[in-house]
């Protein structure tokens, strides 16, 4: 019988960019260690197209095929909540552990800014994975 993997929710207000990137990288880099979900208090009708394009270019991940914007009510109970840096609007979700990554929203910014945020999320997901794996 395998060890139960903790469920991690990456949360921001719209669930269209940073939290979607974190969910995709969590699934890509840490699926053996924890389950990744993302959600928001509101949703956009689609994932940010720049995030979709850059994740495909950088990692070969097609987020539009595997993910969609979701409300908090659409994800299962989780063990860890990671907010992206939404300050006072950050939604509350019951959990055992909570942290805020304080990330700027790259929406509407040049690719270089997007890639910087994506790489920051990648590093944080790897650190989270390594913390649970040890």
N, C-alpha and C. Protein backbone atom coordinates (compact mmCIF):
# COMPACT_ATOMS: atom_id res chain seq x y z
N UNK A 1 0.85 -1.18 0.00
CA UNK A 1 0.00 0.00 0.00
C UNK A 1 0.90 1.24 0.00
N UNK A 2 0.69 2.14 -0.99
CA UNK A 2 1.53 3.33 -1.11
C UNK A 2 1.15 4.40 -0.10
N UNK A 3 2.09 5.29 0.09
CA UNK A 3 1.88 6.44 0.98
C UNK A 3 0.83 7.36 0.35
N UNK A 4 -0.05 7.90 1.16
CA UNK A 4 -1.06 8.83 0.65
C UNK A 4 -0.38 10.15 0.32
N UNK A 5 -0.58 10.61 -0.91
CA UNK A 5 0.03 11.87 -1.32
C UNK A 5 -0.82 13.03 -0.82
N UNK A 6 -0.20 14.05 -0.23
CA UNK A 6 -0.97 15.22 0.17
C UNK A 6 -1.57 15.91 -1.05
N UNK A 7 -2.70 16.57 -0.84
CA UNK A 7 -3.34 17.35 -1.90
C UNK A 7 -2.96 18.81 -1.71
N UNK A 8 -2.43 19.42 -2.76
CA UNK A 8 -1.98 20.81 -2.71
C UNK A 8 -2.86 21.63 -3.64
N UNK A 9 -3.41 22.72 -3.12
CA UNK A 9 -4.21 23.63 -3.94
C UNK A 9 -3.44 24.93 -4.15
N UNK A 10 -3.29 25.30 -5.42
CA UNK A 10 -2.69 26.57 -5.79
C UNK A 10 -3.84 27.52 -6.09
N UNK A 11 -3.90 28.62 -5.34
CA UNK A 11 -5.09 29.47 -5.35
C UNK A 11 -4.75 30.90 -5.76
N UNK A 12 -5.55 31.47 -6.65
CA UNK A 12 -5.53 32.92 -6.85
C UNK A 12 -6.95 33.35 -7.21
N UNK A 13 -7.16 34.61 -7.39
CA UNK A 13 -8.53 35.10 -7.55
C UNK A 13 -9.20 34.52 -8.80
N UNK A 14 -8.55 34.62 -9.97
CA UNK A 14 -9.21 34.24 -11.22
C UNK A 14 -8.90 32.84 -11.73
N UNK A 15 -7.91 32.16 -11.16
CA UNK A 15 -7.53 30.82 -11.62
C UNK A 15 -7.33 30.79 -13.12
N UNK A 16 -6.60 31.77 -13.65
CA UNK A 16 -6.37 31.76 -15.09
C UNK A 16 -4.89 31.82 -15.46
N UNK A 17 -3.99 32.10 -14.50
CA UNK A 17 -2.60 32.27 -14.88
C UNK A 17 -1.64 31.61 -13.88
N UNK A 18 -1.25 32.32 -12.82
CA UNK A 18 -0.24 31.79 -11.90
C UNK A 18 -0.64 30.46 -11.27
N UNK A 19 -1.87 30.36 -10.79
CA UNK A 19 -2.28 29.11 -10.14
C UNK A 19 -2.37 27.96 -11.14
N UNK A 20 -2.74 28.27 -12.39
CA UNK A 20 -2.79 27.24 -13.43
C UNK A 20 -1.37 26.76 -13.76
N UNK A 21 -0.42 27.70 -13.84
CA UNK A 21 0.98 27.35 -14.10
C UNK A 21 1.48 26.45 -12.97
N UNK A 22 1.17 26.82 -11.72
CA UNK A 22 1.61 26.02 -10.56
C UNK A 22 0.99 24.63 -10.58
N UNK A 23 -0.29 24.53 -10.93
CA UNK A 23 -0.93 23.21 -11.02
C UNK A 23 -0.23 22.36 -12.08
N UNK A 24 0.02 22.96 -13.25
CA UNK A 24 0.66 22.22 -14.35
C UNK A 24 2.06 21.76 -13.96
N UNK A 25 2.84 22.66 -13.33
CA UNK A 25 4.20 22.29 -12.93
C UNK A 25 4.18 21.29 -11.77
N UNK A 26 3.20 21.40 -10.88
CA UNK A 26 3.06 20.41 -9.82
C UNK A 26 2.82 19.02 -10.39
N UNK A 27 1.92 18.94 -11.36
CA UNK A 27 1.63 17.65 -12.00
C UNK A 27 2.86 17.14 -12.76
N UNK A 28 3.58 18.06 -13.40
CA UNK A 28 4.72 17.72 -14.25
C UNK A 28 5.93 17.29 -13.42
N UNK A 29 6.19 17.98 -12.32
CA UNK A 29 7.43 17.79 -11.57
C UNK A 29 7.27 17.00 -10.27
N UNK A 30 6.04 16.89 -9.75
CA UNK A 30 5.89 16.34 -8.40
C UNK A 30 4.72 15.38 -8.26
N UNK A 31 4.21 14.83 -9.36
CA UNK A 31 3.00 14.00 -9.26
C UNK A 31 3.19 12.76 -8.39
N UNK A 32 4.42 12.29 -8.25
CA UNK A 32 4.67 11.15 -7.38
C UNK A 32 4.69 11.50 -5.91
N UNK A 33 4.74 12.81 -5.60
CA UNK A 33 4.89 13.27 -4.22
C UNK A 33 3.61 13.91 -3.68
N UNK A 34 2.97 14.76 -4.49
CA UNK A 34 1.71 15.36 -4.07
C UNK A 34 0.78 15.53 -5.27
N UNK A 35 -0.53 15.62 -4.97
CA UNK A 35 -1.53 15.88 -6.01
C UNK A 35 -1.72 17.39 -6.12
N UNK A 36 -1.80 17.88 -7.34
CA UNK A 36 -1.92 19.33 -7.57
C UNK A 36 -3.30 19.70 -8.09
N UNK A 37 -3.84 20.78 -7.53
CA UNK A 37 -5.12 21.35 -7.96
C UNK A 37 -4.93 22.87 -8.03
N UNK A 38 -5.79 23.53 -8.78
CA UNK A 38 -5.80 24.99 -8.72
C UNK A 38 -7.25 25.44 -8.77
N UNK A 39 -7.49 26.64 -8.21
CA UNK A 39 -8.85 27.17 -8.19
C UNK A 39 -8.80 28.65 -7.85
N UNK A 40 -9.95 29.31 -8.02
CA UNK A 40 -10.07 30.72 -7.70
C UNK A 40 -11.45 31.04 -7.14
N UNK A 41 -11.62 32.29 -6.69
CA UNK A 41 -12.93 32.71 -6.19
C UNK A 41 -13.82 33.14 -7.35
N UNK A 42 -13.21 33.50 -8.47
CA UNK A 42 -13.94 33.80 -9.70
C UNK A 42 -13.17 33.05 -10.78
N UNK A 43 -13.77 32.88 -11.93
CA UNK A 43 -12.99 32.26 -13.00
C UNK A 43 -13.14 33.07 -14.28
N UNK A 44 -12.11 32.99 -15.09
CA UNK A 44 -12.18 33.53 -16.45
C UNK A 44 -12.69 32.39 -17.32
N UNK A 45 -13.06 32.71 -18.56
CA UNK A 45 -13.59 31.64 -19.42
C UNK A 45 -12.50 30.75 -19.98
N UNK A 46 -11.23 31.16 -19.85
CA UNK A 46 -10.15 30.30 -20.33
C UNK A 46 -8.86 30.65 -19.59
N UNK A 47 -7.89 29.75 -19.71
CA UNK A 47 -6.58 29.98 -19.12
C UNK A 47 -5.87 31.05 -19.96
N UNK A 48 -5.09 31.90 -19.30
CA UNK A 48 -4.35 32.96 -19.97
C UNK A 48 -3.59 32.40 -21.18
N UNK A 49 -3.85 32.95 -22.40
CA UNK A 49 -3.22 32.41 -23.62
C UNK A 49 -1.69 32.50 -23.62
N UNK A 50 -1.13 33.54 -23.00
CA UNK A 50 0.33 33.62 -22.93
C UNK A 50 0.89 32.52 -22.04
N UNK A 51 0.22 32.24 -20.93
CA UNK A 51 0.65 31.16 -20.04
C UNK A 51 0.57 29.83 -20.78
N UNK A 52 -0.52 29.61 -21.52
CA UNK A 52 -0.69 28.37 -22.28
C UNK A 52 0.45 28.21 -23.29
N UNK A 53 0.73 29.26 -24.04
CA UNK A 53 1.75 29.22 -25.09
C UNK A 53 3.14 28.97 -24.49
N UNK A 54 3.47 29.70 -23.43
CA UNK A 54 4.81 29.57 -22.85
C UNK A 54 5.02 28.24 -22.15
N UNK A 55 4.00 27.71 -21.50
CA UNK A 55 4.13 26.39 -20.86
C UNK A 55 4.33 25.30 -21.91
N UNK A 56 3.67 25.47 -23.06
CA UNK A 56 3.86 24.52 -24.18
C UNK A 56 5.30 24.63 -24.69
N UNK A 57 5.78 25.86 -24.89
CA UNK A 57 7.13 26.06 -25.40
C UNK A 57 8.20 25.57 -24.43
N UNK A 58 8.05 25.89 -23.14
CA UNK A 58 9.09 25.59 -22.15
C UNK A 58 9.08 24.13 -21.69
N UNK A 59 7.89 23.55 -21.53
CA UNK A 59 7.80 22.21 -20.93
C UNK A 59 7.05 21.18 -21.78
N UNK A 60 6.48 21.62 -22.89
CA UNK A 60 5.67 20.71 -23.70
C UNK A 60 4.35 20.35 -23.03
N UNK A 61 3.86 21.22 -22.12
CA UNK A 61 2.61 20.96 -21.40
C UNK A 61 1.49 21.74 -22.09
N UNK A 62 0.42 21.03 -22.46
CA UNK A 62 -0.75 21.68 -23.05
C UNK A 62 -1.80 21.86 -21.95
N UNK A 63 -1.76 23.01 -21.29
CA UNK A 63 -2.68 23.24 -20.16
C UNK A 63 -4.14 23.24 -20.59
N UNK A 64 -4.42 23.67 -21.82
CA UNK A 64 -5.82 23.69 -22.27
C UNK A 64 -6.38 22.28 -22.44
N UNK A 65 -5.51 21.31 -22.64
CA UNK A 65 -5.96 19.93 -22.80
C UNK A 65 -6.22 19.28 -21.43
N UNK A 66 -5.42 19.67 -20.43
CA UNK A 66 -5.48 18.95 -19.15
C UNK A 66 -6.11 19.76 -18.01
N UNK A 67 -6.33 21.08 -18.21
CA UNK A 67 -6.82 21.92 -17.12
C UNK A 67 -7.88 22.90 -17.63
N UNK A 68 -8.60 23.46 -16.65
CA UNK A 68 -9.58 24.51 -16.96
C UNK A 68 -9.74 25.36 -15.72
N UNK A 69 -10.19 26.62 -15.88
CA UNK A 69 -10.44 27.44 -14.69
C UNK A 69 -11.52 26.79 -13.81
N UNK A 70 -11.26 26.76 -12.48
CA UNK A 70 -12.17 26.12 -11.53
C UNK A 70 -12.40 27.02 -10.33
N UNK A 71 -13.58 26.90 -9.75
CA UNK A 71 -13.90 27.60 -8.50
C UNK A 71 -13.43 26.75 -7.32
N UNK A 72 -13.26 27.39 -6.17
CA UNK A 72 -12.85 26.67 -4.96
C UNK A 72 -13.76 25.49 -4.67
N UNK A 73 -15.05 25.66 -4.94
CA UNK A 73 -16.03 24.60 -4.63
C UNK A 73 -15.87 23.37 -5.52
N UNK A 74 -15.07 23.48 -6.58
CA UNK A 74 -14.92 22.36 -7.52
C UNK A 74 -13.73 21.46 -7.23
N UNK A 75 -12.93 21.79 -6.22
CA UNK A 75 -11.78 20.93 -5.91
C UNK A 75 -12.04 20.19 -4.60
N UNK A 76 -11.38 19.03 -4.42
CA UNK A 76 -11.60 18.26 -3.19
C UNK A 76 -10.96 18.95 -1.99
N UNK A 77 -11.26 18.48 -0.77
CA UNK A 77 -10.56 19.01 0.41
C UNK A 77 -9.05 18.81 0.24
N UNK A 78 -8.27 19.78 0.68
CA UNK A 78 -6.83 19.72 0.47
C UNK A 78 -6.06 19.81 1.79
N UNK A 79 -4.80 19.41 1.73
CA UNK A 79 -3.91 19.46 2.90
C UNK A 79 -3.12 20.75 2.95
N UNK A 80 -2.75 21.26 1.78
CA UNK A 80 -1.90 22.44 1.69
C UNK A 80 -2.55 23.46 0.76
N UNK A 81 -2.58 24.72 1.19
CA UNK A 81 -3.08 25.81 0.35
C UNK A 81 -1.92 26.76 0.09
N UNK A 82 -1.66 27.01 -1.18
CA UNK A 82 -0.62 27.96 -1.56
C UNK A 82 -1.28 29.06 -2.37
N UNK A 83 -1.26 30.26 -1.81
CA UNK A 83 -1.82 31.41 -2.53
C UNK A 83 -0.69 32.05 -3.34
N UNK A 84 -1.06 32.66 -4.44
CA UNK A 84 -0.09 33.16 -5.39
C UNK A 84 0.39 34.57 -5.09
N UNK A 85 -0.29 35.26 -4.20
CA UNK A 85 0.08 36.64 -3.91
C UNK A 85 -1.08 37.57 -4.20
N UNK A 86 -2.26 37.17 -3.76
CA UNK A 86 -3.45 37.98 -4.07
C UNK A 86 -3.83 38.89 -2.92
N UNK A 87 -2.94 39.00 -1.92
CA UNK A 87 -3.13 39.93 -0.80
C UNK A 87 -4.50 39.79 -0.14
N UNK A 88 -5.22 40.90 0.02
CA UNK A 88 -6.46 40.86 0.80
C UNK A 88 -7.57 40.05 0.13
N UNK A 89 -7.51 39.89 -1.18
CA UNK A 89 -8.59 39.12 -1.83
C UNK A 89 -8.35 37.62 -1.77
N UNK A 90 -7.25 37.19 -1.16
CA UNK A 90 -6.94 35.77 -1.15
C UNK A 90 -8.08 34.97 -0.52
N UNK A 91 -8.57 33.99 -1.23
CA UNK A 91 -9.66 33.17 -0.69
C UNK A 91 -9.18 32.28 0.46
N UNK A 92 -10.10 31.95 1.35
CA UNK A 92 -9.79 31.07 2.47
C UNK A 92 -10.25 29.66 2.13
N UNK A 93 -9.40 28.70 2.42
CA UNK A 93 -9.73 27.30 2.23
C UNK A 93 -9.16 26.56 3.44
N UNK A 94 -9.94 25.70 4.10
CA UNK A 94 -9.39 24.98 5.25
C UNK A 94 -8.24 24.07 4.82
N UNK A 95 -7.19 23.99 5.64
CA UNK A 95 -6.04 23.17 5.30
C UNK A 95 -5.17 22.98 6.54
N UNK A 96 -4.17 22.09 6.42
CA UNK A 96 -3.21 21.87 7.51
C UNK A 96 -2.03 22.82 7.41
N UNK A 97 -1.73 23.27 6.19
CA UNK A 97 -0.57 24.12 5.98
C UNK A 97 -0.93 25.16 4.93
N UNK A 98 -0.46 26.40 5.14
CA UNK A 98 -0.77 27.48 4.21
C UNK A 98 0.48 28.31 3.98
N UNK A 99 0.72 28.70 2.73
CA UNK A 99 1.79 29.65 2.47
C UNK A 99 1.40 30.54 1.31
N UNK A 100 1.99 31.73 1.28
CA UNK A 100 1.73 32.67 0.19
C UNK A 100 3.04 32.88 -0.56
N UNK A 101 2.99 32.69 -1.88
CA UNK A 101 4.21 32.82 -2.68
C UNK A 101 4.45 34.25 -3.15
N UNK A 102 3.50 35.14 -2.95
CA UNK A 102 3.72 36.56 -3.24
C UNK A 102 4.17 36.86 -4.66
N UNK A 103 3.57 36.21 -5.64
CA UNK A 103 3.99 36.38 -7.04
C UNK A 103 3.20 37.47 -7.74
N UNK A 104 3.90 38.29 -8.51
CA UNK A 104 3.25 39.30 -9.35
C UNK A 104 2.46 38.59 -10.45
N UNK A 105 1.34 39.16 -10.84
CA UNK A 105 0.57 38.62 -11.96
C UNK A 105 1.21 39.11 -13.26
N UNK A 106 1.70 38.19 -14.11
CA UNK A 106 2.37 38.61 -15.34
C UNK A 106 1.40 38.93 -16.49
N UNK A 107 0.10 38.82 -16.26
CA UNK A 107 -0.88 39.05 -17.33
C UNK A 107 -0.63 40.39 -18.00
N UNK A 108 -0.56 40.36 -19.35
CA UNK A 108 -0.38 41.58 -20.12
C UNK A 108 1.06 42.05 -20.20
N UNK A 109 1.97 41.35 -19.56
CA UNK A 109 3.38 41.75 -19.57
C UNK A 109 4.14 40.98 -20.65
N UNK A 110 5.36 41.45 -21.00
CA UNK A 110 6.15 40.75 -22.03
C UNK A 110 6.53 39.33 -21.60
N UNK A 111 6.89 38.51 -22.59
CA UNK A 111 7.26 37.11 -22.34
C UNK A 111 8.34 36.97 -21.27
N UNK A 112 9.31 37.88 -21.27
CA UNK A 112 10.40 37.80 -20.29
C UNK A 112 9.88 37.82 -18.86
N UNK A 113 8.87 38.67 -18.60
CA UNK A 113 8.28 38.74 -17.26
C UNK A 113 7.52 37.45 -16.94
N UNK A 114 6.80 36.95 -17.94
CA UNK A 114 6.07 35.69 -17.77
C UNK A 114 7.02 34.56 -17.43
N UNK A 115 8.11 34.47 -18.19
CA UNK A 115 9.07 33.38 -18.01
C UNK A 115 9.71 33.47 -16.63
N UNK A 116 9.98 34.69 -16.16
CA UNK A 116 10.55 34.87 -14.83
C UNK A 116 9.60 34.30 -13.77
N UNK A 117 8.31 34.59 -13.89
CA UNK A 117 7.31 34.06 -12.94
C UNK A 117 7.22 32.54 -13.06
N UNK A 118 7.21 32.03 -14.29
CA UNK A 118 7.12 30.57 -14.51
C UNK A 118 8.32 29.88 -13.85
N UNK A 119 9.51 30.41 -14.04
CA UNK A 119 10.73 29.81 -13.45
C UNK A 119 10.70 29.90 -11.92
N UNK A 120 10.16 31.01 -11.39
CA UNK A 120 10.02 31.14 -9.93
C UNK A 120 9.07 30.07 -9.40
N UNK A 121 7.94 29.90 -10.09
CA UNK A 121 6.98 28.86 -9.69
C UNK A 121 7.63 27.48 -9.77
N UNK A 122 8.39 27.23 -10.83
CA UNK A 122 9.08 25.94 -10.98
C UNK A 122 9.98 25.68 -9.76
N UNK A 123 10.77 26.68 -9.36
CA UNK A 123 11.66 26.52 -8.21
C UNK A 123 10.90 26.25 -6.93
N UNK A 124 9.78 26.95 -6.74
CA UNK A 124 8.98 26.77 -5.53
C UNK A 124 8.29 25.40 -5.51
N UNK A 125 7.82 24.95 -6.67
CA UNK A 125 7.20 23.61 -6.76
C UNK A 125 8.25 22.54 -6.45
N UNK A 126 9.46 22.69 -6.97
CA UNK A 126 10.52 21.71 -6.70
C UNK A 126 10.88 21.71 -5.21
N UNK A 127 10.94 22.89 -4.58
CA UNK A 127 11.24 22.97 -3.14
C UNK A 127 10.14 22.30 -2.32
N UNK A 128 8.89 22.53 -2.71
CA UNK A 128 7.77 21.89 -2.03
C UNK A 128 7.86 20.37 -2.18
N UNK A 129 8.11 19.92 -3.41
CA UNK A 129 8.27 18.49 -3.69
C UNK A 129 9.38 17.89 -2.83
N UNK A 130 10.53 18.57 -2.82
CA UNK A 130 11.69 18.03 -2.09
C UNK A 130 11.42 18.00 -0.58
N UNK A 131 10.65 18.99 -0.10
CA UNK A 131 10.28 19.01 1.32
C UNK A 131 9.40 17.83 1.70
N UNK A 132 8.49 17.45 0.80
CA UNK A 132 7.61 16.31 1.09
C UNK A 132 8.30 14.98 0.82
N UNK A 133 9.24 14.97 -0.13
CA UNK A 133 9.89 13.72 -0.50
C UNK A 133 10.89 13.27 0.55
N UNK A 134 11.43 14.23 1.34
CA UNK A 134 12.49 13.85 2.30
C UNK A 134 11.91 13.22 3.56
